[in-house]
Amino acid sequence: MHYSVLTQFMGLRKVNTIGIAQAVKVMHLSAMAYNLKKYLKFIEKTVKSDAEAKHRLYLQLKASILL
């Protein structure tokens, strides 16, 4: 991941730490937060699509039983 993504989309403009080791920790934490955000968005999409598929299957089964 490029650090420009963190600065543009996550609002990480300035690292207020002393020393490079501390700054690296902040950057890694920000990258983890960004990846977690992406992962949660992905999970949300798959859950919605699974729920919609199950609902369609339920409606099809209900229609076939009533016929």
PDB file of N, CA and C in Angstrom:
ATOM      1  N   MET A   1       0.851  -1.171   0.000  1.00  0.00           N
ATOM      2  CA  MET A   1       0.000   0.000   0.000  1.00  0.00           C
ATOM      3  C   MET A   1       0.895   1.231   0.000  1.00  0.00           C
ATOM      4  N   HIS A   2       0.455   2.205  -0.721  1.00  0.00           N
ATOM      5  CA  HIS A   2       1.207   3.443  -0.771  1.00  0.00           C
ATOM      6  C   HIS A   2       0.772   4.343   0.371  1.00  0.00           C
ATOM      7  N   TYR A   3       1.715   5.086   0.894  1.00  0.00           N
ATOM      8  CA  TYR A   3       1.396   5.984   1.999  1.00  0.00           C
ATOM      9  C   TYR A   3       0.510   7.132   1.557  1.00  0.00           C
ATOM     10  N   SER A   4       0.488   7.418   0.246  1.00  0.00           N
ATOM     11  CA  SER A   4      -0.388   8.487  -0.233  1.00  0.00           C
ATOM     12  C   SER A   4      -1.857   8.143  -0.008  1.00  0.00           C
ATOM     13  N   VAL A   5      -2.180   6.844  -0.021  1.00  0.00           N
ATOM     14  CA  VAL A   5      -3.554   6.429   0.262  1.00  0.00           C
ATOM     15  C   VAL A   5      -3.921   6.830   1.676  1.00  0.00           C
ATOM     16  N   LEU A   6      -3.016   6.623   2.609  1.00  0.00           N
ATOM     17  CA  LEU A   6      -3.287   6.984   3.998  1.00  0.00           C
ATOM     18  C   LEU A   6      -3.436   8.482   4.163  1.00  0.00           C
ATOM     19  N   THR A   7      -2.638   9.247   3.440  1.00  0.00           N
ATOM     20  CA  THR A   7      -2.725  10.696   3.596  1.00  0.00           C
ATOM     21  C   THR A   7      -3.969  11.250   2.925  1.00  0.00           C
ATOM     22  N   GLN A   8      -4.376  10.663   1.800  1.00  0.00           N
ATOM     23  CA  GLN A   8      -5.518  11.199   1.066  1.00  0.00           C
ATOM     24  C   GLN A   8      -6.856  10.746   1.647  1.00  0.00           C
ATOM     25  N   PHE A   9      -6.978   9.468   1.972  1.00  0.00           N
ATOM     26  CA  PHE A   9      -8.280   8.928   2.335  1.00  0.00           C
ATOM     27  C   PHE A   9      -8.485   8.733   3.835  1.00  0.00           C
ATOM     28  N   MET A  10      -7.407   8.607   4.587  1.00  0.00           N
ATOM     29  CA  MET A  10      -7.552   8.372   6.024  1.00  0.00           C
ATOM     30  C   MET A  10      -7.237   9.628   6.841  1.00  0.00           C
ATOM     31  N   GLY A  11      -6.854  10.701   6.194  1.00  0.00           N
ATOM     32  CA  GLY A  11      -6.618  11.955   6.891  1.00  0.00           C
ATOM     33  C   GLY A  11      -5.327  11.987   7.691  1.00  0.00           C
ATOM     34  N   LEU A  12      -4.369  11.140   7.363  1.00  0.00           N
ATOM     35  CA  LEU A  12      -3.103  11.113   8.089  1.00  0.00           C
ATOM     36  C   LEU A  12      -2.149  12.102   7.433  1.00  0.00           C
ATOM     37  N   ARG A  13      -2.167  13.316   7.887  1.00  0.00           N
ATOM     38  CA  ARG A  13      -1.344  14.361   7.285  1.00  0.00           C
ATOM     39  C   ARG A  13      -0.022  14.535   8.033  1.00  0.00           C
ATOM     40  N   LYS A  14      -0.069  14.438   9.358  1.00  0.00           N
ATOM     41  CA  LYS A  14       1.108  14.733  10.158  1.00  0.00           C
ATOM     42  C   LYS A  14       1.227  13.683  11.255  1.00  0.00           C
ATOM     43  N   VAL A  15       2.415  13.174  11.449  1.00  0.00           N
ATOM     44  CA  VAL A  15       2.661  12.187  12.500  1.00  0.00           C
ATOM     45  C   VAL A  15       3.301  12.925  13.670  1.00  0.00           C
ATOM     46  N   ASN A  16       2.604  12.957  14.795  1.00  0.00           N
ATOM     47  CA  ASN A  16       3.083  13.694  15.960  1.00  0.00           C
ATOM     48  C   ASN A  16       3.804  12.772  16.934  1.00  0.00           C
ATOM     49  N   THR A  17       4.911  12.230  16.498  1.00  0.00           N
ATOM     50  CA  THR A  17       5.718  11.376  17.364  1.00  0.00           C
ATOM     51  C   THR A  17       7.163  11.830  17.304  1.00  0.00           C
ATOM     52  N   ILE A  18       7.931  11.350  18.256  1.00  0.00           N
ATOM     53  CA  ILE A  18       9.359  11.653  18.266  1.00  0.00           C
ATOM     54  C   ILE A  18      10.104  10.389  17.874  1.00  0.00           C
ATOM     55  N   GLY A  19      10.866  10.457  16.808  1.00  0.00           N
ATOM     56  CA  GLY A  19      11.667   9.334  16.360  1.00  0.00           C
ATOM     57  C   GLY A  19      11.028   8.571  15.218  1.00  0.00           C
ATOM     58  N   ILE A  20      11.882   7.968  14.421  1.00  0.00           N
ATOM     59  CA  ILE A  20      11.418   7.224  13.257  1.00  0.00           C
ATOM     60  C   ILE A  20      10.707   5.940  13.668  1.00  0.00           C
ATOM     61  N   ALA A  21      11.191   5.277  14.703  1.00  0.00           N
ATOM     62  CA  ALA A  21      10.567   4.027  15.148  1.00  0.00           C
ATOM     63  C   ALA A  21       9.111   4.261  15.555  1.00  0.00           C
ATOM     64  N   GLN A  22       8.856   5.359  16.249  1.00  0.00           N
ATOM     65  CA  GLN A  22       7.481   5.685  16.654  1.00  0.00           C
ATOM     66  C   GLN A  22       6.625   6.038  15.434  1.00  0.00           C
ATOM     67  N   ALA A  23       7.212   6.756  14.484  1.00  0.00           N
ATOM     68  CA  ALA A  23       6.475   7.128  13.272  1.00  0.00           C
ATOM     69  C   ALA A  23       6.114   5.892  12.459  1.00  0.00           C
ATOM     70  N   VAL A  24       7.016   4.923  12.394  1.00  0.00           N
ATOM     71  CA  VAL A  24       6.741   3.680  11.677  1.00  0.00           C
ATOM     72  C   VAL A  24       5.579   2.941  12.334  1.00  0.00           C
ATOM     73  N   LYS A  25       5.538   2.948  13.668  1.00  0.00           N
ATOM     74  CA  LYS A  25       4.423   2.308  14.382  1.00  0.00           C
ATOM     75  C   LYS A  25       3.098   2.973  14.029  1.00  0.00           C
ATOM     76  N   VAL A  26       3.099   4.287  13.969  1.00  0.00           N
ATOM     77  CA  VAL A  26       1.875   5.021  13.617  1.00  0.00           C
ATOM     78  C   VAL A  26       1.439   4.668  12.205  1.00  0.00           C
ATOM     79  N   MET A  27       2.387   4.579  11.290  1.00  0.00           N
ATOM     80  CA  MET A  27       2.051   4.248   9.904  1.00  0.00           C
ATOM     81  C   MET A  27       1.505   2.819   9.800  1.00  0.00           C
ATOM     82  N   HIS A  28       2.095   1.891  10.522  1.00  0.00           N
ATOM     83  CA  HIS A  28       1.592   0.517  10.499  1.00  0.00           C
ATOM     84  C   HIS A  28       0.190   0.431  11.086  1.00  0.00           C
ATOM     85  N   LEU A  29      -0.047   1.148  12.166  1.00  0.00           N
ATOM     86  CA  LEU A  29      -1.384   1.166  12.767  1.00  0.00           C
ATOM     87  C   LEU A  29      -2.401   1.759  11.807  1.00  0.00           C
ATOM     88  N   SER A  30      -2.023   2.825  11.110  1.00  0.00           N
ATOM     89  CA  SER A  30      -2.925   3.446  10.138  1.00  0.00           C
ATOM     90  C   SER A  30      -3.213   2.494   8.984  1.00  0.00           C
ATOM     91  N   ALA A  31      -2.190   1.767   8.539  1.00  0.00           N
ATOM     92  CA  ALA A  31      -2.388   0.802   7.459  1.00  0.00           C
ATOM     93  C   ALA A  31      -3.313  -0.321   7.907  1.00  0.00           C
ATOM     94  N   MET A  32      -3.159  -0.760   9.152  1.00  0.00           N
ATOM     95  CA  MET A  32      -4.045  -1.810   9.676  1.00  0.00           C
ATOM     96  C   MET A  32      -5.488  -1.311   9.743  1.00  0.00           C
ATOM     97  N   ALA A  33      -5.674  -0.080  10.170  1.00  0.00           N
ATOM     98  CA  ALA A  33      -7.020   0.489  10.235  1.00  0.00           C
ATOM     99  C   ALA A  33      -7.640   0.578   8.846  1.00  0.00           C
ATOM    100  N   TYR A  34      -6.851   0.986   7.870  1.00  0.00           N
ATOM    101  CA  TYR A  34      -7.328   1.083   6.487  1.00  0.00           C
ATOM    102  C   TYR A  34      -7.741  -0.289   5.962  1.00  0.00           C
ATOM    103  N   ASN A  35      -6.904  -1.304   6.201  1.00  0.00           N
ATOM    104  CA  ASN A  35      -7.208  -2.656   5.738  1.00  0.00           C
ATOM    105  C   ASN A  35      -8.423  -3.233   6.449  1.00  0.00           C
ATOM    106  N   LEU A  36      -8.553  -2.961   7.730  1.00  0.00           N
ATOM    107  CA  LEU A  36      -9.721  -3.432   8.478  1.00  0.00           C
ATOM    108  C   LEU A  36     -10.994  -2.791   7.941  1.00  0.00           C
ATOM    109  N   LYS A  37     -10.914  -1.514   7.620  1.00  0.00           N
ATOM    110  CA  LYS A  37     -12.060  -0.806   7.051  1.00  0.00           C
ATOM    111  C   LYS A  37     -12.487  -1.447   5.722  1.00  0.00           C
ATOM    112  N   LYS A  38     -11.494  -1.752   4.872  1.00  0.00           N
ATOM    113  CA  LYS A  38     -11.784  -2.411   3.596  1.00  0.00           C
ATOM    114  C   LYS A  38     -12.387  -3.802   3.818  1.00  0.00           C
ATOM    115  N   TYR A  39     -11.841  -4.548   4.764  1.00  0.00           N
ATOM    116  CA  TYR A  39     -12.314  -5.903   5.045  1.00  0.00           C
ATOM    117  C   TYR A  39     -13.752  -5.886   5.550  1.00  0.00           C
ATOM    118  N   LEU A  40     -14.065  -4.960   6.444  1.00  0.00           N
ATOM    119  CA  LEU A  40     -15.430  -4.879   6.970  1.00  0.00           C
ATOM    120  C   LEU A  40     -16.424  -4.509   5.874  1.00  0.00           C
ATOM    121  N   LYS A  41     -16.016  -3.648   4.955  1.00  0.00           N
ATOM    122  CA  LYS A  41     -16.884  -3.295   3.833  1.00  0.00           C
ATOM    123  C   LYS A  41     -17.123  -4.512   2.941  1.00  0.00           C
ATOM    124  N   PHE A  42     -16.082  -5.317   2.720  1.00  0.00           N
ATOM    125  CA  PHE A  42     -16.192  -6.533   1.917  1.00  0.00           C
ATOM    126  C   PHE A  42     -17.124  -7.536   2.584  1.00  0.00           C
ATOM    127  N   ILE A  43     -16.971  -7.734   3.891  1.00  0.00           N
ATOM    128  CA  ILE A  43     -17.820  -8.674   4.627  1.00  0.00           C
ATOM    129  C   ILE A  43     -19.280  -8.228   4.566  1.00  0.00           C
ATOM    130  N   GLU A  44     -19.508  -6.933   4.698  1.00  0.00           N
ATOM    131  CA  GLU A  44     -20.873  -6.406   4.651  1.00  0.00           C
ATOM    132  C   GLU A  44     -21.530  -6.713   3.314  1.00  0.00           C
ATOM    133  N   LYS A  45     -20.770  -6.568   2.223  1.00  0.00           N
ATOM    134  CA  LYS A  45     -21.314  -6.859   0.898  1.00  0.00           C
ATOM    135  C   LYS A  45     -21.651  -8.334   0.750  1.00  0.00           C
ATOM    136  N   THR A  46     -20.777  -9.216   1.215  1.00  0.00           N
ATOM    137  CA  THR A  46     -21.030 -10.649   1.069  1.00  0.00           C
ATOM    138  C   THR A  46     -22.206 -11.086   1.927  1.00  0.00           C
ATOM    139  N   VAL A  47     -22.357 -10.509   3.102  1.00  0.00           N
ATOM    140  CA  VAL A  47     -23.488 -10.858   3.961  1.00  0.00           C
ATOM    141  C   VAL A  47     -24.788 -10.428   3.306  1.00  0.00           C
ATOM    142  N   LYS A  48     -24.805  -9.229   2.733  1.00  0.00           N
ATOM    143  CA  LYS A  48     -26.014  -8.759   2.067  1.00  0.00           C
ATOM    144  C   LYS A  48     -26.361  -9.658   0.889  1.00  0.00           C
ATOM    145  N   SER A  49     -25.376 -10.026   0.092  1.00  0.00           N
ATOM    146  CA  SER A  49     -25.665 -10.854  -1.070  1.00  0.00           C
ATOM    147  C   SER A  49     -26.119 -12.248  -0.646  1.00  0.00           C
ATOM    148  N   ASP A  50     -25.553 -12.792   0.425  1.00  0.00           N
ATOM    149  CA  ASP A  50     -25.995 -14.086   0.938  1.00  0.00           C
ATOM    150  C   ASP A  50     -27.428 -14.016   1.449  1.00  0.00           C
ATOM    151  N   ALA A  51     -27.743 -12.941   2.139  1.00  0.00           N
ATOM    152  CA  ALA A  51     -29.093 -12.782   2.668  1.00  0.00           C
ATOM    153  C   ALA A  51     -30.105 -12.647   1.528  1.00  0.00           C
ATOM    154  N   GLU A  52     -29.746 -11.902   0.500  1.00  0.00           N
ATOM    155  CA  GLU A  52     -30.648 -11.740  -0.641  1.00  0.00           C
ATOM    156  C   GLU A  52     -30.846 -13.069  -1.359  1.00  0.00           C
ATOM    157  N   ALA A  53     -29.789 -13.852  -1.507  1.00  0.00           N
ATOM    158  CA  ALA A  53     -29.898 -15.155  -2.165  1.00  0.00           C
ATOM    159  C   ALA A  53     -30.792 -16.092  -1.368  1.00  0.00           C
ATOM    160  N   LYS A  54     -30.633 -16.085  -0.057  1.00  0.00           N
ATOM    161  CA  LYS A  54     -31.473 -16.937   0.793  1.00  0.00           C
ATOM    162  C   LYS A  54     -32.934 -16.507   0.720  1.00  0.00           C
ATOM    163  N   HIS A  55     -33.161 -15.210   0.672  1.00  0.00           N
ATOM    164  CA  HIS A  55     -34.533 -14.713   0.589  1.00  0.00           C
ATOM    165  C   HIS A  55     -35.176 -15.121  -0.734  1.00  0.00           C
ATOM    166  N   ARG A  56     -34.412 -15.010  -1.836  1.00  0.00           N
ATOM    167  CA  ARG A  56     -34.950 -15.438  -3.134  1.00  0.00           C
ATOM    168  C   ARG A  56     -35.265 -16.924  -3.137  1.00  0.00           C
ATOM    169  N   LEU A  57     -34.388 -17.729  -2.553  1.00  0.00           N
ATOM    170  CA  LEU A  57     -34.613 -19.168  -2.469  1.00  0.00           C
ATOM    171  C   LEU A  57     -35.871 -19.465  -1.656  1.00  0.00           C
ATOM    172  N   TYR A  58     -36.033 -18.749  -0.561  1.00  0.00           N
ATOM    173  CA  TYR A  58     -37.225 -18.914   0.270  1.00  0.00           C
ATOM    174  C   TYR A  58     -38.491 -18.597  -0.517  1.00  0.00           C
ATOM    175  N   LEU A  59     -38.464 -17.515  -1.275  1.00  0.00           N
ATOM    176  CA  LEU A  59     -39.644 -17.140  -2.062  1.00  0.00           C
ATOM    177  C   LEU A  59     -39.937 -18.176  -3.148  1.00  0.00           C
ATOM    178  N   GLN A  60     -38.882 -18.713  -3.760  1.00  0.00           N
ATOM    179  CA  GLN A  60     -39.081 -19.739  -4.787  1.00  0.00           C
ATOM    180  C   GLN A  60     -39.673 -21.001  -4.177  1.00  0.00           C
ATOM    181  N   LEU A  61     -39.166 -21.408  -3.031  1.00  0.00           N
ATOM    182  CA  LEU A  61     -39.701 -22.602  -2.366  1.00  0.00           C
ATOM    183  C   LEU A  61     -41.158 -22.376  -1.940  1.00  0.00           C
ATOM    184  N   LYS A  62     -41.446 -21.216  -1.425  1.00  0.00           N
ATOM    185  CA  LYS A  62     -42.801 -20.901  -1.009  1.00  0.00           C
ATOM    186  C   LYS A  62     -43.745 -20.927  -2.214  1.00  0.00           C
ATOM    187  N   ALA A  63     -43.318 -20.372  -3.328  1.00  0.00           N
ATOM    188  CA  ALA A  63     -44.147 -20.364  -4.549  1.00  0.00           C
ATOM    189  C   ALA A  63     -44.354 -21.781  -5.063  1.00  0.00           C
ATOM    190  N   SER A  64     -43.328 -22.627  -5.008  1.00  0.00           N
ATOM    191  CA  SER A  64     -43.468 -23.984  -5.521  1.00  0.00           C
ATOM    192  C   SER A  64     -44.366 -24.834  -4.617  1.00  0.00           C
ATOM    193  N   ILE A  65     -44.382 -24.550  -3.335  1.00  0.00           N
ATOM    194  CA  ILE A  65     -45.252 -25.291  -2.416  1.00  0.00           C
ATOM    195  C   ILE A  65     -46.708 -24.913  -2.643  1.00  0.00           C
ATOM    196  N   LEU A  66     -46.970 -23.630  -2.914  1.00  0.00           N
ATOM    197  CA  LEU A  66     -48.332 -23.176  -3.103  1.00  0.00           C
ATOM    198  C   LEU A  66     -48.919 -23.628  -4.422  1.00  0.00           C
ATOM    199  N   LEU A  67     -48.089 -23.994  -5.394  1.00  0.00           N
ATOM    200  CA  LEU A  67     -48.607 -24.415  -6.708  1.00  0.00           C
ATOM    201  C   LEU A  67     -49.103 -25.783  -6.695  1.00  0.00           C
TER     202      LEU A  67
END
